[in-house]
Amino acid sequence: MPQPVLALGCTAVTVAGSVWYLPALADLRAGPDRPRSRRTAALACLTGWGTAAAVALALLVAPARWTPAAVAAVGGAAAMALCVRAAVRRAAERRETARQWAGLPHVPPPAARRRPRAVAATAAFAPVLVTGLLLVMAGRGLHPG
């Protein structure tokens, strides 16, 4: 499969991913109004989708197939690191909130609203996964050509 066709696929997926990266952008723009863990998770999401856009550009510009794969690997690693950092921060925030609620006399803590973690993780890594699938489906893998 020609690289411009793969680039078109990456671009289409990136544009369709606006349901994830536009709310993430809003979270970042809100600044201190959002918890640090949520802003870090939003940054992870934007890093993942930005990686998909960068891979599409690399598919158009670079003649070798290893270049887009390297872009996807670096961007995916950055998104993963930010996602893990957000999870660690969120756990610390939850412990701090529980400690503060425990200090109040006779007040039950509010029920925690839980989001499915798989959805949040997929939102950050979907662009990297789609790019890898497109490269594999191309039939040539990472060989130049």
N, C-alpha and C. Protein backbone atom coordinates (compact mmCIF):
# COMPACT_ATOMS: atom_id res chain seq x y z
N MET A 1 0.85 -1.17 0.00
CA MET A 1 0.00 0.00 0.00
C MET A 1 0.90 1.24 0.00
N PRO A 2 0.61 2.19 -0.85
CA PRO A 2 1.44 3.41 -0.91
C PRO A 2 1.34 4.23 0.38
N GLN A 3 2.44 4.88 0.70
CA GLN A 3 2.49 5.66 1.93
C GLN A 3 1.49 6.81 1.94
N PRO A 4 1.19 7.48 0.84
CA PRO A 4 0.17 8.53 0.89
C PRO A 4 -1.22 8.01 1.29
N VAL A 5 -1.52 6.77 0.93
CA VAL A 5 -2.81 6.19 1.33
C VAL A 5 -2.81 5.95 2.84
N LEU A 6 -1.69 5.48 3.37
CA LEU A 6 -1.58 5.31 4.81
C LEU A 6 -1.67 6.65 5.53
N ALA A 7 -1.07 7.67 4.95
CA ALA A 7 -1.13 9.01 5.54
C ALA A 7 -2.57 9.52 5.55
N LEU A 8 -3.31 9.25 4.50
CA LEU A 8 -4.72 9.65 4.45
C LEU A 8 -5.52 8.94 5.53
N GLY A 9 -5.23 7.66 5.75
CA GLY A 9 -5.91 6.91 6.81
C GLY A 9 -5.58 7.47 8.19
N CYS A 10 -4.32 7.77 8.43
CA CYS A 10 -3.92 8.36 9.72
C CYS A 10 -4.59 9.71 9.93
N THR A 11 -4.67 10.50 8.87
CA THR A 11 -5.31 11.81 8.97
C THR A 11 -6.79 11.67 9.28
N ALA A 12 -7.45 10.73 8.61
CA ALA A 12 -8.88 10.53 8.86
C ALA A 12 -9.15 10.09 10.29
N VAL A 13 -8.32 9.20 10.79
CA VAL A 13 -8.49 8.74 12.17
C VAL A 13 -8.21 9.88 13.15
N THR A 14 -7.21 10.69 12.86
CA THR A 14 -6.88 11.82 13.74
C THR A 14 -8.02 12.84 13.77
N VAL A 15 -8.59 13.13 12.62
CA VAL A 15 -9.72 14.06 12.58
C VAL A 15 -10.91 13.49 13.34
N ALA A 16 -11.16 12.20 13.20
CA ALA A 16 -12.27 11.57 13.89
C ALA A 16 -12.04 11.51 15.41
N GLY A 17 -10.80 11.59 15.84
CA GLY A 17 -10.49 11.52 17.26
C GLY A 17 -10.77 12.80 18.01
N SER A 18 -11.38 13.77 17.35
CA SER A 18 -11.66 15.05 18.01
C SER A 18 -12.58 14.89 19.22
N VAL A 19 -13.34 13.80 19.27
CA VAL A 19 -14.20 13.58 20.44
C VAL A 19 -13.37 13.35 21.69
N TRP A 20 -12.09 13.01 21.53
CA TRP A 20 -11.21 12.83 22.68
C TRP A 20 -10.28 14.03 22.88
N TYR A 21 -9.69 14.53 21.79
CA TYR A 21 -8.68 15.55 22.01
C TYR A 21 -9.24 16.95 22.21
N LEU A 22 -10.45 17.24 21.77
CA LEU A 22 -11.02 18.57 22.04
C LEU A 22 -11.39 18.74 23.52
N PRO A 23 -12.04 17.75 24.17
CA PRO A 23 -12.25 17.89 25.62
C PRO A 23 -10.93 17.92 26.40
N ALA A 24 -9.94 17.19 25.94
CA ALA A 24 -8.63 17.22 26.60
C ALA A 24 -8.02 18.62 26.49
N LEU A 25 -8.18 19.23 25.35
CA LEU A 25 -7.68 20.59 25.17
C LEU A 25 -8.42 21.56 26.10
N ALA A 26 -9.72 21.35 26.27
CA ALA A 26 -10.49 22.20 27.19
C ALA A 26 -10.00 22.02 28.63
N ASP A 27 -9.67 20.79 29.00
CA ASP A 27 -9.14 20.54 30.35
C ASP A 27 -7.82 21.28 30.56
N LEU A 28 -6.97 21.27 29.56
CA LEU A 28 -5.69 21.97 29.70
C LEU A 28 -5.89 23.48 29.77
N ARG A 29 -6.82 23.99 28.98
CA ARG A 29 -7.06 25.43 28.98
C ARG A 29 -7.69 25.90 30.28
N ALA A 30 -8.38 25.00 30.99
CA ALA A 30 -9.00 25.38 32.26
C ALA A 30 -7.96 25.65 33.33
N GLY A 31 -6.77 25.12 33.14
CA GLY A 31 -5.67 25.40 34.06
C GLY A 31 -5.92 24.89 35.47
N PRO A 32 -5.69 25.72 36.47
CA PRO A 32 -5.80 25.27 37.86
C PRO A 32 -7.23 24.90 38.30
N ASP A 33 -8.22 25.17 37.45
CA ASP A 33 -9.59 24.75 37.78
C ASP A 33 -9.76 23.24 37.73
N ARG A 34 -8.85 22.56 37.08
CA ARG A 34 -8.89 21.10 36.99
C ARG A 34 -7.77 20.52 37.85
N PRO A 35 -7.98 19.31 38.37
CA PRO A 35 -6.90 18.67 39.15
C PRO A 35 -5.68 18.40 38.26
N ARG A 36 -4.52 18.34 38.90
CA ARG A 36 -3.28 18.10 38.14
C ARG A 36 -3.31 16.77 37.41
N SER A 37 -3.93 15.77 38.03
CA SER A 37 -3.98 14.46 37.37
C SER A 37 -4.80 14.53 36.09
N ARG A 38 -5.88 15.29 36.11
CA ARG A 38 -6.72 15.40 34.92
C ARG A 38 -6.01 16.16 33.82
N ARG A 39 -5.26 17.19 34.19
CA ARG A 39 -4.50 17.92 33.17
C ARG A 39 -3.38 17.07 32.59
N THR A 40 -2.76 16.24 33.43
CA THR A 40 -1.71 15.35 32.92
C THR A 40 -2.31 14.29 31.99
N ALA A 41 -3.48 13.77 32.34
CA ALA A 41 -4.16 12.81 31.47
C ALA A 41 -4.56 13.47 30.15
N ALA A 42 -4.99 14.72 30.21
CA ALA A 42 -5.33 15.44 28.99
C ALA A 42 -4.10 15.63 28.12
N LEU A 43 -2.98 15.91 28.75
CA LEU A 43 -1.73 16.06 28.00
C LEU A 43 -1.32 14.73 27.35
N ALA A 44 -1.55 13.63 28.05
CA ALA A 44 -1.26 12.31 27.47
C ALA A 44 -2.14 12.06 26.25
N CYS A 45 -3.41 12.42 26.35
CA CYS A 45 -4.33 12.25 25.23
C CYS A 45 -3.88 13.09 24.03
N LEU A 46 -3.55 14.34 24.28
CA LEU A 46 -3.10 15.21 23.19
C LEU A 46 -1.78 14.73 22.59
N THR A 47 -0.92 14.18 23.42
CA THR A 47 0.35 13.64 22.91
C THR A 47 0.08 12.45 21.99
N GLY A 48 -0.84 11.59 22.38
CA GLY A 48 -1.17 10.44 21.53
C GLY A 48 -1.75 10.85 20.20
N TRP A 49 -2.71 11.77 20.22
CA TRP A 49 -3.32 12.20 18.97
C TRP A 49 -2.36 13.06 18.15
N GLY A 50 -1.50 13.82 18.80
CA GLY A 50 -0.47 14.56 18.07
C GLY A 50 0.52 13.63 17.40
N THR A 51 0.76 12.50 18.03
CA THR A 51 1.63 11.49 17.43
C THR A 51 1.01 10.95 16.14
N ALA A 52 -0.29 10.71 16.16
CA ALA A 52 -0.95 10.22 14.94
C ALA A 52 -0.83 11.25 13.82
N ALA A 53 -0.99 12.52 14.13
CA ALA A 53 -0.83 13.56 13.12
C ALA A 53 0.61 13.62 12.61
N ALA A 54 1.57 13.47 13.52
CA ALA A 54 2.98 13.49 13.12
C ALA A 54 3.33 12.27 12.26
N VAL A 55 2.73 11.14 12.56
CA VAL A 55 2.97 9.94 11.74
C VAL A 55 2.40 10.15 10.34
N ALA A 56 1.23 10.76 10.25
CA ALA A 56 0.66 11.05 8.93
C ALA A 56 1.59 11.95 8.13
N LEU A 57 2.14 12.95 8.77
CA LEU A 57 3.08 13.84 8.10
C LEU A 57 4.36 13.08 7.71
N ALA A 58 4.85 12.24 8.60
CA ALA A 58 6.06 11.46 8.29
C ALA A 58 5.82 10.50 7.14
N LEU A 59 4.61 9.96 7.05
CA LEU A 59 4.29 9.07 5.93
C LEU A 59 4.31 9.81 4.60
N LEU A 60 3.95 11.07 4.63
CA LEU A 60 3.97 11.87 3.39
C LEU A 60 5.37 12.32 3.01
N VAL A 61 6.19 12.64 4.01
CA VAL A 61 7.48 13.27 3.75
C VAL A 61 8.62 12.26 3.66
N ALA A 62 8.66 11.31 4.55
CA ALA A 62 9.82 10.41 4.64
C ALA A 62 9.70 9.26 3.63
N PRO A 63 10.76 8.97 2.91
CA PRO A 63 10.71 7.86 1.96
C PRO A 63 10.83 6.49 2.64
N ALA A 64 11.48 6.43 3.78
CA ALA A 64 11.67 5.15 4.47
C ALA A 64 10.52 4.88 5.43
N ARG A 65 10.17 3.62 5.55
CA ARG A 65 9.06 3.25 6.45
C ARG A 65 9.46 3.28 7.92
N TRP A 66 10.73 3.22 8.22
CA TRP A 66 11.12 3.21 9.62
C TRP A 66 10.91 4.58 10.27
N THR A 67 10.87 5.64 9.49
CA THR A 67 10.69 6.98 10.05
C THR A 67 9.32 7.14 10.72
N PRO A 68 8.21 6.80 10.04
CA PRO A 68 6.92 6.90 10.73
C PRO A 68 6.82 5.95 11.93
N ALA A 69 7.45 4.79 11.81
CA ALA A 69 7.43 3.85 12.93
C ALA A 69 8.19 4.42 14.12
N ALA A 70 9.31 5.10 13.87
CA ALA A 70 10.06 5.72 14.95
C ALA A 70 9.27 6.85 15.60
N VAL A 71 8.58 7.64 14.77
CA VAL A 71 7.74 8.72 15.30
C VAL A 71 6.64 8.13 16.18
N ALA A 72 6.01 7.05 15.73
CA ALA A 72 4.95 6.40 16.51
C ALA A 72 5.50 5.83 17.82
N ALA A 73 6.70 5.26 17.77
CA ALA A 73 7.28 4.68 18.99
C ALA A 73 7.62 5.76 20.01
N VAL A 74 8.22 6.85 19.58
CA VAL A 74 8.59 7.93 20.50
C VAL A 74 7.32 8.59 21.07
N GLY A 75 6.36 8.88 20.21
CA GLY A 75 5.12 9.50 20.68
C GLY A 75 4.33 8.58 21.59
N GLY A 76 4.30 7.30 21.26
CA GLY A 76 3.59 6.33 22.10
C GLY A 76 4.24 6.20 23.47
N ALA A 77 5.56 6.21 23.51
CA ALA A 77 6.26 6.12 24.79
C ALA A 77 5.99 7.37 25.63
N ALA A 78 5.98 8.52 25.00
CA ALA A 78 5.70 9.76 25.73
C ALA A 78 4.26 9.76 26.27
N ALA A 79 3.31 9.33 25.45
CA ALA A 79 1.92 9.27 25.90
C ALA A 79 1.76 8.27 27.04
N MET A 80 2.44 7.14 26.94
CA MET A 80 2.37 6.14 28.01
C MET A 80 2.94 6.68 29.31
N ALA A 81 4.07 7.36 29.24
CA ALA A 81 4.68 7.92 30.45
C ALA A 81 3.76 8.95 31.09
N LEU A 82 3.14 9.79 30.28
CA LEU A 82 2.22 10.78 30.83
C LEU A 82 0.98 10.14 31.42
N CYS A 83 0.50 9.07 30.80
CA CYS A 83 -0.68 8.36 31.30
C CYS A 83 -0.38 7.72 32.66
N VAL A 84 0.78 7.12 32.79
CA VAL A 84 1.18 6.52 34.07
C VAL A 84 1.33 7.60 35.13
N ARG A 85 1.93 8.71 34.77
CA ARG A 85 2.10 9.82 35.71
C ARG A 85 0.74 10.36 36.17
N ALA A 86 -0.22 10.45 35.25
CA ALA A 86 -1.56 10.90 35.62
C ALA A 86 -2.23 9.92 36.58
N ALA A 87 -2.05 8.63 36.35
CA ALA A 87 -2.65 7.63 37.24
C ALA A 87 -2.05 7.70 38.64
N VAL A 88 -0.75 7.90 38.73
CA VAL A 88 -0.09 8.02 40.04
C VAL A 88 -0.59 9.26 40.77
N ARG A 89 -0.69 10.37 40.03
CA ARG A 89 -1.19 11.60 40.65
C ARG A 89 -2.65 11.46 41.10
N ARG A 90 -3.45 10.78 40.29
CA ARG A 90 -4.87 10.60 40.64
C ARG A 90 -5.00 9.76 41.91
N ALA A 91 -4.19 8.73 42.04
CA ALA A 91 -4.22 7.91 43.25
C ALA A 91 -3.84 8.74 44.48
N ALA A 92 -2.84 9.59 44.33
CA ALA A 92 -2.44 10.45 45.45
C ALA A 92 -3.54 11.45 45.79
N GLU A 93 -4.21 11.98 44.78
CA GLU A 93 -5.31 12.91 45.02
C GLU A 93 -6.47 12.22 45.73
N ARG A 94 -6.76 10.99 45.35
CA ARG A 94 -7.84 10.25 46.01
C ARG A 94 -7.50 9.96 47.48
N ARG A 95 -6.25 9.59 47.74
CA ARG A 95 -5.85 9.36 49.13
C ARG A 95 -5.96 10.64 49.95
N GLU A 96 -5.55 11.74 49.37
CA GLU A 96 -5.63 13.02 50.07
C GLU A 96 -7.09 13.40 50.33
N THR A 97 -7.96 13.20 49.37
CA THR A 97 -9.38 13.50 49.55
C THR A 97 -9.98 12.61 50.64
N ALA A 98 -9.66 11.34 50.63
CA ALA A 98 -10.17 10.43 51.66
C ALA A 98 -9.67 10.84 53.04
N ARG A 99 -8.42 11.26 53.13
CA ARG A 99 -7.87 11.70 54.41
C ARG A 99 -8.60 12.95 54.90
N GLN A 100 -8.88 13.87 54.01
CA GLN A 100 -9.58 15.09 54.41
C GLN A 100 -11.02 14.80 54.85
N TRP A 101 -11.70 13.89 54.14
CA TRP A 101 -13.06 13.54 54.53
C TRP A 101 -13.08 12.81 55.87
N ALA A 102 -12.06 12.01 56.10
CA ALA A 102 -11.99 11.27 57.38
C ALA A 102 -11.81 12.22 58.56
N GLY A 103 -11.24 13.38 58.32
CA GLY A 103 -11.03 14.34 59.39
C GLY A 103 -12.28 15.10 59.80
N LEU A 104 -13.33 15.04 58.99
CA LEU A 104 -14.58 15.73 59.33
C LEU A 104 -15.43 14.86 60.25
N PRO A 105 -16.03 15.46 61.28
CA PRO A 105 -16.85 14.66 62.20
C PRO A 105 -18.23 14.35 61.61
N HIS A 106 -18.57 13.07 61.60
CA HIS A 106 -19.90 12.59 61.24
C HIS A 106 -20.34 12.96 59.83
N VAL A 107 -19.44 13.12 58.92
CA VAL A 107 -19.81 13.43 57.54
C VAL A 107 -19.35 12.27 56.66
N PRO A 108 -20.29 11.60 56.02
CA PRO A 108 -19.87 10.51 55.14
C PRO A 108 -19.24 11.06 53.86
N PRO A 109 -18.24 10.41 53.35
CA PRO A 109 -17.61 10.88 52.09
C PRO A 109 -18.58 10.70 50.92
N PRO A 110 -18.48 11.56 49.93
CA PRO A 110 -19.35 11.43 48.77
C PRO A 110 -19.00 10.17 47.98
N ALA A 111 -19.98 9.65 47.27
CA ALA A 111 -19.75 8.46 46.45
C ALA A 111 -18.83 8.83 45.30
N ALA A 112 -17.84 8.02 45.08
CA ALA A 112 -16.88 8.28 44.01
C ALA A 112 -17.48 7.86 42.67
N ARG A 113 -17.40 8.76 41.71
CA ARG A 113 -17.83 8.43 40.35
C ARG A 113 -16.63 7.86 39.61
N ARG A 114 -16.78 6.66 39.08
CA ARG A 114 -15.65 5.99 38.45
C ARG A 114 -15.88 5.90 36.95
N ARG A 115 -14.86 6.26 36.22
CA ARG A 115 -14.88 6.12 34.77
C ARG A 115 -14.20 4.81 34.42
N PRO A 116 -14.67 4.17 33.38
CA PRO A 116 -13.95 2.97 32.94
C PRO A 116 -12.53 3.34 32.51
N ARG A 117 -11.55 2.69 33.13
CA ARG A 117 -10.16 3.01 32.82
C ARG A 117 -9.76 2.60 31.41
N ALA A 118 -10.41 1.57 30.91
CA ALA A 118 -10.06 1.11 29.56
C ALA A 118 -10.38 2.19 28.52
N VAL A 119 -11.46 2.92 28.71
CA VAL A 119 -11.83 3.96 27.76
C VAL A 119 -10.80 5.08 27.79
N ALA A 120 -10.37 5.49 28.96
CA ALA A 120 -9.38 6.56 29.07
C ALA A 120 -8.04 6.13 28.48
N ALA A 121 -7.64 4.90 28.74
CA ALA A 121 -6.36 4.42 28.19
C ALA A 121 -6.43 4.29 26.68
N THR A 122 -7.56 3.81 26.17
CA THR A 122 -7.71 3.66 24.73
C THR A 122 -7.68 5.02 24.05
N ALA A 123 -8.25 6.02 24.67
CA ALA A 123 -8.26 7.35 24.08
C ALA A 123 -6.84 7.88 23.89
N ALA A 124 -5.95 7.55 24.79
CA ALA A 124 -4.57 8.03 24.68
C ALA A 124 -3.77 7.22 23.67
N PHE A 125 -4.06 5.94 23.54
CA PHE A 125 -3.23 5.08 22.71
C PHE A 125 -3.86 4.68 21.39
N ALA A 126 -5.11 5.08 21.14
CA ALA A 126 -5.78 4.72 19.89
C ALA A 126 -5.00 5.16 18.65
N PRO A 127 -4.47 6.39 18.63
CA PRO A 127 -3.74 6.79 17.43
C PRO A 127 -2.51 5.93 17.16
N VAL A 128 -1.81 5.56 18.20
CA VAL A 128 -0.61 4.75 18.03
C VAL A 128 -0.99 3.35 17.55
N LEU A 129 -2.05 2.79 18.11
CA LEU A 129 -2.50 1.47 17.69
C LEU A 129 -2.95 1.47 16.24
N VAL A 130 -3.71 2.49 15.84
CA VAL A 130 -4.19 2.56 14.46
C VAL A 130 -3.03 2.71 13.49
N THR A 131 -2.06 3.53 13.85
CA THR A 131 -0.89 3.70 12.99
C THR A 131 -0.14 2.39 12.81
N GLY A 132 0.06 1.66 13.89
CA GLY A 132 0.72 0.36 13.80
C GLY A 132 -0.05 -0.61 12.94
N LEU A 133 -1.37 -0.63 13.09
CA LEU A 133 -2.19 -1.51 12.26
C LEU A 133 -2.11 -1.13 10.79
N LEU A 134 -2.10 0.16 10.50
CA LEU A 134 -1.99 0.59 9.11
C LEU A 134 -0.65 0.16 8.51
N LEU A 135 0.42 0.26 9.30
CA LEU A 135 1.73 -0.16 8.79
C LEU A 135 1.78 -1.67 8.56
N VAL A 136 1.17 -2.42 9.46
CA VAL A 136 1.15 -3.88 9.30
C VAL A 136 0.28 -4.27 8.11
N MET A 137 -0.85 -3.60 7.96
CA MET A 137 -1.75 -3.93 6.85
C MET A 137 -1.15 -3.56 5.50
N ALA A 138 -0.18 -2.67 5.51
CA ALA A 138 0.46 -2.28 4.26
C ALA A 138 1.21 -3.46 3.64
N GLY A 139 1.53 -4.46 4.43
CA GLY A 139 2.16 -5.65 3.91
C GLY A 139 3.67 -5.60 3.82
N ARG A 140 4.22 -4.43 3.97
CA ARG A 140 5.67 -4.29 3.84
C ARG A 140 6.35 -4.14 5.18
N GLY A 141 5.59 -3.93 6.22
CA GLY A 141 6.17 -3.79 7.55
C GLY A 141 7.07 -2.57 7.62
N LEU A 142 8.26 -2.73 8.15
CA LEU A 142 9.18 -1.62 8.32
C LEU A 142 10.30 -1.62 7.29
N HIS A 143 10.19 -2.47 6.28
CA HIS A 143 11.23 -2.52 5.25
C HIS A 143 11.11 -1.32 4.33
N PRO A 144 12.23 -0.77 3.88
CA PRO A 144 12.15 0.37 2.95
C PRO A 144 11.54 -0.07 1.63
N GLY A 145 10.91 0.85 1.00
CA GLY A 145 10.36 0.46 -0.28
C GLY A 145 9.44 1.43 -0.76
